[in-house]
């Protein structure tokens, strides 16, 4: 069978092209058939490079986001420790507000939602006139980290949205490759009408 199943990766299509080129070049009679294969090899290489770059970017973005979320949780815990240096009655309103948005769990998008949910609470608390200076400093720091978490989460979402467009390009080239391999297969059947059972050897399995 000349065609490569559509569910196979773009790397499998590259292997199919390289295999067909090598097998067809081996025989002088079939070598001219490689003319339709050669232009597609740079195309498939470009799409593989694109996918690799995209995958690397996603992994990097996820790593940065996880680190930022952990930093946010760390800053949150440091804020709670700072509360312990005050008499409860002095900061009861602030402490209760902050504890109301304390993060539960650490699972992907839910954690980002917790950061977004907590941000306006911190901003509101920060407007307090009698807020101690060190508490105010901690709140400003956690808001800075919050902004970073949200920014990184937005960047990751934007990267993930690029996947569909990338796969569409791959599907388009997969169709082109399969059409080409099918045409070569038909030409081989005409060239070798009495050797049909061996023609499959020209194509990658």
N, C-alpha and C. Protein backbone atom coordinates (compact mmCIF):
# COMPACT_ATOMS: atom_id res chain seq x y z
N UNK A 1 0.85 -1.19 0.00
CA UNK A 1 0.00 0.00 0.00
C UNK A 1 0.88 1.24 0.00
N UNK A 2 0.67 2.13 -0.99
CA UNK A 2 1.53 3.30 -1.12
C UNK A 2 1.18 4.39 -0.12
N UNK A 3 -0.10 4.53 0.17
CA UNK A 3 -0.53 5.62 1.04
C UNK A 3 -0.16 5.37 2.50
N UNK A 4 0.09 6.47 3.20
CA UNK A 4 0.39 6.41 4.63
C UNK A 4 -0.88 6.81 5.38
N UNK A 5 -1.30 6.04 6.39
CA UNK A 5 -2.52 6.40 7.15
C UNK A 5 -2.44 7.82 7.69
N UNK A 6 -3.54 8.57 7.58
CA UNK A 6 -3.55 9.98 7.99
C UNK A 6 -3.24 10.16 9.47
N UNK A 7 -3.56 9.16 10.28
CA UNK A 7 -3.34 9.31 11.73
C UNK A 7 -1.86 9.25 12.10
N UNK A 8 -1.01 8.80 11.15
CA UNK A 8 0.43 8.75 11.42
C UNK A 8 1.00 10.16 11.55
N UNK A 9 2.09 10.27 12.28
CA UNK A 9 2.71 11.58 12.50
C UNK A 9 3.37 12.09 11.22
N UNK A 10 3.68 13.37 11.20
CA UNK A 10 4.35 13.96 10.05
C UNK A 10 5.74 13.35 9.87
N UNK A 11 6.33 12.87 10.96
CA UNK A 11 7.63 12.19 10.86
C UNK A 11 7.52 10.89 10.07
N UNK A 12 6.39 10.20 10.22
CA UNK A 12 6.18 8.96 9.47
C UNK A 12 6.08 9.25 7.98
N UNK A 13 5.50 10.39 7.63
CA UNK A 13 5.41 10.78 6.22
C UNK A 13 6.79 11.11 5.66
N UNK A 14 7.62 11.70 6.47
CA UNK A 14 8.99 11.98 6.04
C UNK A 14 9.72 10.67 5.77
N UNK A 15 9.54 9.70 6.67
CA UNK A 15 10.16 8.38 6.49
C UNK A 15 9.67 7.74 5.20
N UNK A 16 8.37 7.90 4.91
CA UNK A 16 7.80 7.32 3.68
C UNK A 16 8.44 7.93 2.44
N UNK A 17 8.66 9.24 2.46
CA UNK A 17 9.29 9.92 1.32
C UNK A 17 10.74 9.47 1.14
N UNK A 18 11.48 9.42 2.24
CA UNK A 18 12.89 9.03 2.16
C UNK A 18 13.03 7.58 1.70
N UNK A 19 12.14 6.73 2.20
CA UNK A 19 12.18 5.31 1.82
C UNK A 19 11.87 5.15 0.33
N UNK A 20 10.80 5.83 -0.12
CA UNK A 20 10.42 5.73 -1.53
C UNK A 20 11.52 6.28 -2.43
N UNK A 21 12.12 7.39 -2.03
CA UNK A 21 13.21 7.96 -2.83
C UNK A 21 14.36 6.98 -2.96
N UNK A 22 14.78 6.40 -1.83
CA UNK A 22 15.91 5.47 -1.84
C UNK A 22 15.61 4.23 -2.68
N UNK A 23 14.41 3.68 -2.53
CA UNK A 23 14.08 2.44 -3.26
C UNK A 23 13.91 2.70 -4.75
N UNK A 24 13.35 3.84 -5.11
CA UNK A 24 13.16 4.16 -6.52
C UNK A 24 14.47 4.52 -7.21
N UNK A 25 15.37 5.19 -6.48
CA UNK A 25 16.67 5.57 -7.06
C UNK A 25 17.55 4.36 -7.31
N UNK A 26 17.30 3.28 -6.60
CA UNK A 26 18.14 2.09 -6.72
C UNK A 26 18.04 1.47 -8.12
N UNK A 27 16.88 1.62 -8.74
CA UNK A 27 16.64 1.05 -10.06
C UNK A 27 16.62 2.19 -11.09
N UNK A 28 17.43 2.10 -12.13
CA UNK A 28 17.51 3.16 -13.13
C UNK A 28 16.18 3.39 -13.85
N UNK A 29 15.38 2.33 -13.96
CA UNK A 29 14.08 2.46 -14.62
C UNK A 29 13.10 3.28 -13.79
N UNK A 30 13.21 3.13 -12.48
CA UNK A 30 12.25 3.82 -11.60
C UNK A 30 12.79 5.15 -11.06
N UNK A 31 14.06 5.41 -11.26
CA UNK A 31 14.68 6.63 -10.71
C UNK A 31 13.96 7.92 -11.12
N UNK A 32 13.49 8.05 -12.37
CA UNK A 32 12.79 9.28 -12.77
C UNK A 32 11.54 9.57 -11.93
N UNK A 33 10.97 8.53 -11.32
CA UNK A 33 9.76 8.72 -10.52
C UNK A 33 10.02 9.54 -9.25
N UNK A 34 11.28 9.67 -8.88
CA UNK A 34 11.60 10.43 -7.66
C UNK A 34 11.44 11.94 -7.86
N UNK A 35 11.29 12.37 -9.11
CA UNK A 35 11.18 13.81 -9.38
C UNK A 35 10.00 14.46 -8.66
N UNK A 36 8.94 13.68 -8.46
CA UNK A 36 7.77 14.24 -7.76
C UNK A 36 7.93 14.17 -6.24
N UNK A 37 8.85 13.35 -5.77
CA UNK A 37 9.08 13.20 -4.33
C UNK A 37 10.01 14.28 -3.79
N UNK A 38 11.07 14.55 -4.54
CA UNK A 38 12.12 15.46 -4.05
C UNK A 38 11.62 16.83 -3.57
N UNK A 39 10.69 17.49 -4.28
CA UNK A 39 10.25 18.82 -3.81
C UNK A 39 9.49 18.78 -2.48
N UNK A 40 8.96 17.61 -2.13
CA UNK A 40 8.16 17.53 -0.90
C UNK A 40 9.00 17.30 0.35
N UNK A 41 10.23 16.83 0.17
CA UNK A 41 11.07 16.56 1.34
C UNK A 41 11.39 17.85 2.12
N UNK A 42 11.79 18.95 1.45
CA UNK A 42 12.00 20.20 2.21
C UNK A 42 10.72 20.70 2.89
N UNK A 43 9.57 20.48 2.24
CA UNK A 43 8.30 20.91 2.83
C UNK A 43 8.01 20.17 4.13
N UNK A 44 8.19 18.86 4.09
CA UNK A 44 7.91 18.07 5.29
C UNK A 44 8.93 18.36 6.38
N UNK A 45 10.17 18.61 5.98
CA UNK A 45 11.20 18.97 6.98
C UNK A 45 10.84 20.28 7.68
N UNK A 46 10.32 21.23 6.90
CA UNK A 46 9.94 22.53 7.47
C UNK A 46 8.81 22.38 8.49
N UNK A 47 7.85 21.49 8.17
CA UNK A 47 6.73 21.28 9.10
C UNK A 47 7.17 20.54 10.35
N UNK A 48 8.13 19.63 10.20
CA UNK A 48 8.67 18.93 11.37
C UNK A 48 9.41 19.92 12.27
N UNK A 49 10.20 20.80 11.66
CA UNK A 49 10.90 21.84 12.44
C UNK A 49 9.89 22.74 13.17
N UNK A 50 8.81 23.07 12.47
CA UNK A 50 7.78 23.92 13.08
C UNK A 50 7.15 23.23 14.29
N UNK A 51 6.86 21.93 14.13
CA UNK A 51 6.25 21.18 15.24
C UNK A 51 7.21 21.06 16.42
N UNK A 52 8.48 20.82 16.12
CA UNK A 52 9.48 20.70 17.19
C UNK A 52 9.63 22.02 17.95
N UNK A 53 9.68 23.11 17.20
CA UNK A 53 9.80 24.43 17.84
C UNK A 53 8.57 24.73 18.69
N UNK A 54 7.40 24.37 18.17
CA UNK A 54 6.16 24.59 18.91
C UNK A 54 6.15 23.75 20.19
N UNK A 55 6.52 22.47 20.08
CA UNK A 55 6.55 21.59 21.25
C UNK A 55 7.52 22.10 22.30
N UNK A 56 8.70 22.54 21.85
CA UNK A 56 9.70 23.09 22.79
C UNK A 56 9.16 24.33 23.49
N UNK A 57 8.46 25.17 22.72
CA UNK A 57 7.91 26.40 23.29
C UNK A 57 6.83 26.10 24.33
N UNK A 58 6.01 25.08 24.05
CA UNK A 58 4.95 24.70 24.99
C UNK A 58 5.54 24.17 26.29
N UNK A 59 6.54 23.30 26.16
CA UNK A 59 7.19 22.74 27.35
C UNK A 59 7.81 23.86 28.18
N UNK A 60 8.49 24.78 27.51
CA UNK A 60 9.12 25.90 28.20
C UNK A 60 8.08 26.79 28.89
N UNK A 61 6.99 27.06 28.18
CA UNK A 61 5.93 27.91 28.74
C UNK A 61 5.28 27.26 29.95
N UNK A 62 5.07 25.94 29.89
CA UNK A 62 4.48 25.22 31.02
C UNK A 62 5.42 25.25 32.23
N UNK A 63 6.72 25.10 31.96
CA UNK A 63 7.70 25.14 33.05
C UNK A 63 7.74 26.49 33.73
N UNK A 64 7.71 27.56 32.93
CA UNK A 64 7.72 28.91 33.49
C UNK A 64 6.45 29.19 34.29
N UNK A 65 5.32 28.72 33.76
CA UNK A 65 4.05 28.94 34.45
C UNK A 65 4.02 28.21 35.79
N UNK A 66 4.49 26.97 35.79
CA UNK A 66 4.53 26.21 37.04
C UNK A 66 5.41 26.90 38.07
N UNK A 67 6.57 27.38 37.62
CA UNK A 67 7.50 28.07 38.53
C UNK A 67 6.86 29.36 39.07
N UNK A 68 6.15 30.08 38.21
CA UNK A 68 5.49 31.32 38.64
C UNK A 68 4.37 31.03 39.64
N UNK A 69 3.62 29.96 39.40
CA UNK A 69 2.55 29.59 40.33
C UNK A 69 3.12 29.21 41.69
N UNK A 70 4.24 28.48 41.67
CA UNK A 70 4.87 28.10 42.93
C UNK A 70 5.41 29.33 43.67
N UNK A 71 5.93 30.29 42.91
CA UNK A 71 6.42 31.53 43.51
C UNK A 71 5.25 32.30 44.15
N UNK A 72 4.11 32.29 43.48
CA UNK A 72 2.92 32.96 44.02
C UNK A 72 2.49 32.32 45.33
N UNK A 73 2.49 30.98 45.34
CA UNK A 73 2.11 30.26 46.57
C UNK A 73 3.11 30.57 47.69
N UNK A 74 4.38 30.64 47.35
CA UNK A 74 5.43 30.95 48.33
C UNK A 74 5.22 32.36 48.90
N UNK A 75 4.95 33.31 48.02
CA UNK A 75 4.71 34.68 48.47
C UNK A 75 3.47 34.76 49.36
N UNK A 76 2.47 33.96 49.01
CA UNK A 76 1.24 33.92 49.81
C UNK A 76 1.55 33.42 51.22
N UNK A 77 2.31 32.34 51.30
CA UNK A 77 2.66 31.77 52.61
C UNK A 77 3.51 32.73 53.44
N UNK A 78 4.39 33.46 52.76
CA UNK A 78 5.21 34.45 53.47
C UNK A 78 4.35 35.59 54.02
N UNK A 79 3.31 35.94 53.27
CA UNK A 79 2.37 36.95 53.75
C UNK A 79 1.66 36.48 55.01
N UNK A 80 1.26 35.21 55.02
CA UNK A 80 0.58 34.66 56.20
C UNK A 80 1.52 34.64 57.41
N UNK A 81 2.79 34.32 57.16
CA UNK A 81 3.76 34.34 58.26
C UNK A 81 3.93 35.75 58.82
N UNK A 82 3.86 36.72 57.93
CA UNK A 82 3.99 38.11 58.35
C UNK A 82 2.83 38.50 59.28
N UNK A 83 1.67 37.94 59.02
CA UNK A 83 0.52 38.21 59.88
C UNK A 83 0.78 37.80 61.33
N UNK A 84 1.57 36.72 61.49
CA UNK A 84 1.84 36.20 62.83
C UNK A 84 2.68 37.14 63.69
N UNK A 85 3.27 38.15 63.06
CA UNK A 85 4.08 39.11 63.83
C UNK A 85 3.23 40.25 64.39
N UNK A 86 1.93 40.20 64.11
CA UNK A 86 1.02 41.25 64.58
C UNK A 86 0.00 40.68 65.55
N UNK A 87 -0.54 41.55 66.36
CA UNK A 87 -1.67 41.17 67.20
C UNK A 87 -2.88 40.95 66.29
N UNK A 88 -3.58 39.87 66.50
CA UNK A 88 -4.70 39.49 65.61
C UNK A 88 -5.70 40.63 65.44
N UNK A 89 -5.99 41.32 66.53
CA UNK A 89 -7.00 42.39 66.47
C UNK A 89 -6.58 43.53 65.54
N UNK A 90 -5.27 43.71 65.37
CA UNK A 90 -4.78 44.81 64.53
C UNK A 90 -5.08 44.59 63.05
N UNK A 91 -5.02 43.33 62.64
CA UNK A 91 -5.12 43.05 61.20
C UNK A 91 -6.21 42.03 60.88
N UNK A 92 -7.18 41.89 61.76
CA UNK A 92 -8.20 40.86 61.57
C UNK A 92 -8.92 40.99 60.23
N UNK A 93 -9.27 42.20 59.83
CA UNK A 93 -10.00 42.38 58.56
C UNK A 93 -9.15 41.96 57.36
N UNK A 94 -7.89 42.38 57.39
CA UNK A 94 -6.97 42.03 56.31
C UNK A 94 -6.74 40.53 56.26
N UNK A 95 -6.48 39.94 57.40
CA UNK A 95 -6.17 38.51 57.46
C UNK A 95 -7.36 37.67 57.00
N UNK A 96 -8.56 38.02 57.44
CA UNK A 96 -9.74 37.26 57.04
C UNK A 96 -9.96 37.35 55.53
N UNK A 97 -9.75 38.52 54.97
CA UNK A 97 -9.92 38.70 53.52
C UNK A 97 -8.92 37.86 52.74
N UNK A 98 -7.68 37.85 53.21
CA UNK A 98 -6.62 37.10 52.53
C UNK A 98 -6.85 35.59 52.65
N UNK A 99 -7.22 35.14 53.84
CA UNK A 99 -7.47 33.70 54.05
C UNK A 99 -8.64 33.21 53.20
N UNK A 100 -9.54 34.12 52.86
CA UNK A 100 -10.68 33.75 52.04
C UNK A 100 -10.31 33.35 50.62
N UNK A 101 -9.13 33.74 50.17
CA UNK A 101 -8.70 33.38 48.81
C UNK A 101 -7.44 32.52 48.84
N UNK A 102 -7.18 31.88 49.98
CA UNK A 102 -6.00 31.02 50.06
C UNK A 102 -6.13 29.87 49.07
N UNK A 103 -5.07 29.57 48.30
CA UNK A 103 -5.15 28.54 47.24
C UNK A 103 -5.35 27.14 47.79
N UNK A 104 -6.23 26.39 47.12
CA UNK A 104 -6.45 24.98 47.46
C UNK A 104 -6.03 24.13 46.27
N UNK A 105 -5.06 23.26 46.48
CA UNK A 105 -4.60 22.41 45.38
C UNK A 105 -3.64 23.14 44.46
N UNK A 106 -3.17 22.41 43.46
CA UNK A 106 -2.19 22.98 42.53
C UNK A 106 -2.34 22.29 41.18
N UNK A 107 -3.52 22.47 40.57
CA UNK A 107 -3.80 21.72 39.35
C UNK A 107 -4.10 22.64 38.18
N UNK A 108 -3.12 22.80 37.36
CA UNK A 108 -3.27 23.47 36.07
C UNK A 108 -4.06 24.76 36.09
N UNK A 109 -5.06 24.81 35.20
CA UNK A 109 -5.83 26.03 34.99
C UNK A 109 -6.56 26.47 36.26
N UNK A 110 -6.98 25.51 37.10
CA UNK A 110 -7.69 25.86 38.34
C UNK A 110 -6.82 26.76 39.21
N UNK A 111 -5.54 26.47 39.22
CA UNK A 111 -4.63 27.26 40.05
C UNK A 111 -4.49 28.67 39.49
N UNK A 112 -4.46 28.79 38.19
CA UNK A 112 -4.41 30.11 37.56
C UNK A 112 -5.69 30.89 37.89
N UNK A 113 -6.82 30.18 37.87
CA UNK A 113 -8.09 30.82 38.24
C UNK A 113 -8.05 31.34 39.67
N UNK A 114 -7.40 30.60 40.56
CA UNK A 114 -7.28 31.03 41.95
C UNK A 114 -6.47 32.33 42.04
N UNK A 115 -5.43 32.41 41.24
CA UNK A 115 -4.60 33.63 41.22
C UNK A 115 -5.44 34.81 40.73
N UNK A 116 -6.21 34.59 39.67
CA UNK A 116 -7.06 35.66 39.13
C UNK A 116 -8.14 36.07 40.13
N UNK A 117 -8.67 35.09 40.84
CA UNK A 117 -9.72 35.36 41.83
C UNK A 117 -9.17 36.16 43.01
N UNK A 118 -7.94 35.85 43.41
CA UNK A 118 -7.34 36.49 44.58
C UNK A 118 -6.85 37.91 44.28
N UNK A 119 -6.49 38.16 43.03
CA UNK A 119 -5.86 39.44 42.68
C UNK A 119 -6.69 40.67 43.10
N UNK A 120 -7.99 40.74 42.76
CA UNK A 120 -8.76 41.93 43.17
C UNK A 120 -8.90 42.06 44.69
N UNK A 121 -8.88 40.93 45.39
CA UNK A 121 -8.95 40.97 46.85
C UNK A 121 -7.69 41.64 47.41
N UNK A 122 -6.54 41.23 46.88
CA UNK A 122 -5.28 41.84 47.33
C UNK A 122 -5.25 43.34 47.00
N UNK A 123 -5.75 43.67 45.82
CA UNK A 123 -5.77 45.08 45.40
C UNK A 123 -6.65 45.92 46.33
N UNK A 124 -7.77 45.33 46.73
CA UNK A 124 -8.68 46.03 47.63
C UNK A 124 -8.07 46.20 49.02
N UNK A 125 -7.44 45.14 49.52
CA UNK A 125 -6.80 45.18 50.84
C UNK A 125 -5.69 46.23 50.85
N UNK A 126 -5.01 46.35 49.72
CA UNK A 126 -3.87 47.28 49.62
C UNK A 126 -4.29 48.74 49.77
N UNK A 127 -5.57 49.02 49.56
CA UNK A 127 -6.05 50.40 49.66
C UNK A 127 -6.29 50.84 51.12
N UNK A 128 -6.17 49.89 52.05
CA UNK A 128 -6.40 50.21 53.46
C UNK A 128 -5.45 51.28 53.98
N UNK A 129 -5.98 52.27 54.67
CA UNK A 129 -5.17 53.40 55.14
C UNK A 129 -4.22 53.02 56.27
N UNK A 130 -4.64 52.10 57.14
CA UNK A 130 -3.84 51.77 58.31
C UNK A 130 -3.04 50.47 58.12
N UNK A 131 -2.80 50.13 56.89
CA UNK A 131 -2.08 48.89 56.60
C UNK A 131 -0.61 49.04 56.98
N UNK A 132 -0.06 48.12 57.79
CA UNK A 132 1.37 48.18 58.16
C UNK A 132 2.26 48.15 56.91
N UNK A 133 3.38 48.82 56.96
CA UNK A 133 4.28 48.94 55.80
C UNK A 133 4.77 47.59 55.29
N UNK A 134 5.15 46.68 56.20
CA UNK A 134 5.67 45.39 55.73
C UNK A 134 4.57 44.53 55.11
N UNK A 135 3.34 44.63 55.61
CA UNK A 135 2.22 43.92 54.99
C UNK A 135 1.96 44.50 53.60
N UNK A 136 2.02 45.81 53.51
CA UNK A 136 1.81 46.48 52.22
C UNK A 136 2.88 46.03 51.22
N UNK A 137 4.12 45.92 51.68
CA UNK A 137 5.20 45.47 50.80
C UNK A 137 4.98 44.05 50.30
N UNK A 138 4.51 43.17 51.20
CA UNK A 138 4.24 41.78 50.81
C UNK A 138 3.09 41.71 49.81
N UNK A 139 2.08 42.53 50.01
CA UNK A 139 0.94 42.54 49.09
C UNK A 139 1.35 43.03 47.70
N UNK A 140 2.19 44.05 47.66
CA UNK A 140 2.67 44.55 46.37
C UNK A 140 3.48 43.48 45.64
N UNK A 141 4.28 42.73 46.40
CA UNK A 141 5.09 41.68 45.80
C UNK A 141 4.23 40.56 45.24
N UNK A 142 3.20 40.16 46.01
CA UNK A 142 2.35 39.07 45.54
C UNK A 142 1.51 39.51 44.33
N UNK A 143 1.15 40.79 44.27
CA UNK A 143 0.43 41.29 43.10
C UNK A 143 1.32 41.29 41.86
N UNK A 144 2.59 41.59 42.06
CA UNK A 144 3.55 41.55 40.96
C UNK A 144 3.68 40.12 40.43
N UNK A 145 3.77 39.17 41.35
CA UNK A 145 3.86 37.76 40.95
C UNK A 145 2.56 37.31 40.30
N UNK A 146 1.42 37.80 40.79
CA UNK A 146 0.11 37.47 40.20
C UNK A 146 0.06 37.89 38.74
N UNK A 147 0.52 39.11 38.48
CA UNK A 147 0.54 39.61 37.09
C UNK A 147 1.38 38.70 36.20
N UNK A 148 2.48 38.22 36.73
CA UNK A 148 3.37 37.35 35.97
C UNK A 148 2.70 36.01 35.67
N UNK A 149 2.00 35.46 36.66
CA UNK A 149 1.28 34.19 36.46
C UNK A 149 0.24 34.34 35.35
N UNK A 150 -0.54 35.39 35.43
CA UNK A 150 -1.60 35.61 34.43
C UNK A 150 -1.01 35.85 33.04
N UNK A 151 0.08 36.58 32.98
CA UNK A 151 0.76 36.84 31.70
C UNK A 151 1.27 35.53 31.10
N UNK A 152 1.90 34.69 31.91
CA UNK A 152 2.44 33.42 31.42
C UNK A 152 1.32 32.47 31.02
N UNK A 153 0.22 32.47 31.76
CA UNK A 153 -0.93 31.62 31.42
C UNK A 153 -1.53 32.04 30.08
N UNK A 154 -1.61 33.34 29.85
CA UNK A 154 -2.13 33.86 28.59
C UNK A 154 -1.21 33.48 27.42
N UNK A 155 0.09 33.56 27.65
CA UNK A 155 1.06 33.18 26.62
C UNK A 155 0.95 31.70 26.27
N UNK A 156 0.76 30.86 27.30
CA UNK A 156 0.62 29.42 27.06
C UNK A 156 -0.66 29.14 26.27
N UNK A 157 -1.76 29.79 26.63
CA UNK A 157 -3.01 29.60 25.90
C UNK A 157 -2.86 29.98 24.43
N UNK A 158 -2.14 31.08 24.18
CA UNK A 158 -1.92 31.53 22.80
C UNK A 158 -1.11 30.51 22.01
N UNK A 159 -0.12 29.91 22.68
CA UNK A 159 0.68 28.87 22.02
C UNK A 159 -0.16 27.65 21.68
N UNK A 160 -1.00 27.22 22.61
CA UNK A 160 -1.83 26.03 22.41
C UNK A 160 -2.83 26.24 21.27
N UNK A 161 -3.26 27.48 21.09
CA UNK A 161 -4.21 27.78 20.01
C UNK A 161 -3.57 27.63 18.63
N UNK A 162 -2.25 27.68 18.57
CA UNK A 162 -1.55 27.55 17.30
C UNK A 162 -1.52 26.11 16.79
N UNK A 163 -1.86 25.18 17.66
CA UNK A 163 -1.76 23.76 17.30
C UNK A 163 -2.66 23.40 16.12
N UNK A 164 -3.90 23.88 16.14
CA UNK A 164 -4.85 23.54 15.07
C UNK A 164 -4.35 24.00 13.70
N UNK A 165 -3.83 25.22 13.64
CA UNK A 165 -3.30 25.73 12.38
C UNK A 165 -2.12 24.91 11.88
N UNK A 166 -1.28 24.49 12.81
CA UNK A 166 -0.11 23.68 12.46
C UNK A 166 -0.56 22.31 11.92
N UNK A 167 -1.56 21.71 12.57
CA UNK A 167 -2.06 20.40 12.13
C UNK A 167 -2.77 20.49 10.78
N UNK A 168 -3.42 21.62 10.51
CA UNK A 168 -4.06 21.81 9.21
C UNK A 168 -3.01 21.81 8.09
N UNK A 169 -1.89 22.48 8.33
CA UNK A 169 -0.81 22.49 7.35
C UNK A 169 -0.26 21.09 7.13
N UNK A 170 -0.13 20.34 8.23
CA UNK A 170 0.36 18.97 8.12
C UNK A 170 -0.61 18.10 7.33
N UNK A 171 -1.91 18.24 7.62
CA UNK A 171 -2.92 17.44 6.91
C UNK A 171 -2.91 17.74 5.42
N UNK A 172 -2.73 19.00 5.08
CA UNK A 172 -2.69 19.39 3.67
C UNK A 172 -1.51 18.73 2.96
N UNK A 173 -0.35 18.73 3.61
CA UNK A 173 0.83 18.11 3.01
C UNK A 173 0.70 16.59 2.99
N UNK A 174 0.08 16.02 4.02
CA UNK A 174 -0.14 14.57 4.04
C UNK A 174 -0.97 14.13 2.84
N UNK A 175 -2.00 14.91 2.52
CA UNK A 175 -2.83 14.60 1.35
C UNK A 175 -2.01 14.66 0.07
N UNK A 176 -1.17 15.68 -0.03
CA UNK A 176 -0.32 15.85 -1.21
C UNK A 176 0.66 14.69 -1.34
N UNK A 177 1.25 14.28 -0.23
CA UNK A 177 2.20 13.16 -0.25
C UNK A 177 1.50 11.88 -0.65
N UNK A 178 0.32 11.63 -0.08
CA UNK A 178 -0.41 10.41 -0.41
C UNK A 178 -0.83 10.37 -1.87
N UNK A 179 -1.23 11.52 -2.41
CA UNK A 179 -1.58 11.58 -3.84
C UNK A 179 -0.36 11.24 -4.70
N UNK A 180 0.78 11.79 -4.32
CA UNK A 180 2.01 11.54 -5.07
C UNK A 180 2.41 10.07 -5.01
N UNK A 181 2.37 9.50 -3.82
CA UNK A 181 2.74 8.08 -3.66
C UNK A 181 1.77 7.18 -4.42
N UNK A 182 0.50 7.56 -4.43
CA UNK A 182 -0.51 6.78 -5.15
C UNK A 182 -0.26 6.83 -6.65
N UNK A 183 0.11 8.01 -7.15
CA UNK A 183 0.42 8.16 -8.58
C UNK A 183 1.65 7.33 -8.96
N UNK A 184 2.66 7.34 -8.09
CA UNK A 184 3.86 6.54 -8.33
C UNK A 184 3.51 5.06 -8.35
N UNK A 185 2.65 4.65 -7.43
CA UNK A 185 2.23 3.25 -7.35
C UNK A 185 1.55 2.82 -8.66
N UNK A 186 0.69 3.68 -9.19
CA UNK A 186 -0.01 3.36 -10.44
C UNK A 186 0.98 3.25 -11.61
N UNK A 187 1.98 4.14 -11.63
CA UNK A 187 2.99 4.09 -12.69
C UNK A 187 3.82 2.81 -12.59
N UNK A 188 4.12 2.40 -11.37
CA UNK A 188 4.89 1.16 -11.17
C UNK A 188 4.11 -0.05 -11.66
N UNK A 189 2.80 -0.03 -11.45
CA UNK A 189 1.98 -1.15 -11.91
C UNK A 189 1.96 -1.23 -13.45
N UNK A 190 2.04 -0.07 -14.09
CA UNK A 190 2.10 -0.07 -15.55
C UNK A 190 3.47 -0.50 -16.05
N UNK A 191 4.52 -0.10 -15.30
CA UNK A 191 5.89 -0.43 -15.70
C UNK A 191 6.19 -1.92 -15.51
N UNK A 192 5.61 -2.50 -14.46
CA UNK A 192 5.89 -3.91 -14.13
C UNK A 192 4.58 -4.69 -13.98
N UNK A 193 3.87 -4.91 -15.07
CA UNK A 193 2.55 -5.56 -15.01
C UNK A 193 2.59 -7.01 -14.51
N UNK A 194 3.74 -7.66 -14.64
CA UNK A 194 3.81 -9.07 -14.23
C UNK A 194 4.51 -9.27 -12.89
N UNK A 195 4.80 -8.18 -12.21
CA UNK A 195 5.50 -8.30 -10.93
C UNK A 195 4.76 -7.54 -9.82
N UNK A 196 3.44 -7.60 -9.88
CA UNK A 196 2.60 -6.83 -8.96
C UNK A 196 2.89 -7.13 -7.48
N UNK A 197 3.14 -8.36 -7.18
CA UNK A 197 3.28 -8.76 -5.77
C UNK A 197 4.53 -8.17 -5.11
N UNK A 198 5.49 -7.73 -5.92
CA UNK A 198 6.73 -7.18 -5.36
C UNK A 198 6.74 -5.65 -5.28
N UNK A 199 5.75 -5.01 -5.85
CA UNK A 199 5.77 -3.55 -5.94
C UNK A 199 5.63 -2.86 -4.58
N UNK A 200 5.05 -3.55 -3.62
CA UNK A 200 4.91 -2.97 -2.28
C UNK A 200 6.24 -2.68 -1.62
N UNK A 201 7.30 -3.33 -2.09
CA UNK A 201 8.62 -3.13 -1.50
C UNK A 201 9.15 -1.72 -1.72
N UNK A 202 8.54 -1.00 -2.66
CA UNK A 202 8.98 0.37 -2.93
C UNK A 202 8.49 1.36 -1.86
N UNK A 203 7.56 0.90 -1.04
CA UNK A 203 6.91 1.84 -0.11
C UNK A 203 7.11 1.45 1.35
N UNK A 204 7.26 2.48 2.16
CA UNK A 204 7.51 2.34 3.60
C UNK A 204 6.27 1.79 4.30
N UNK A 205 6.48 0.83 5.18
CA UNK A 205 5.37 0.23 5.94
C UNK A 205 5.38 0.75 7.37
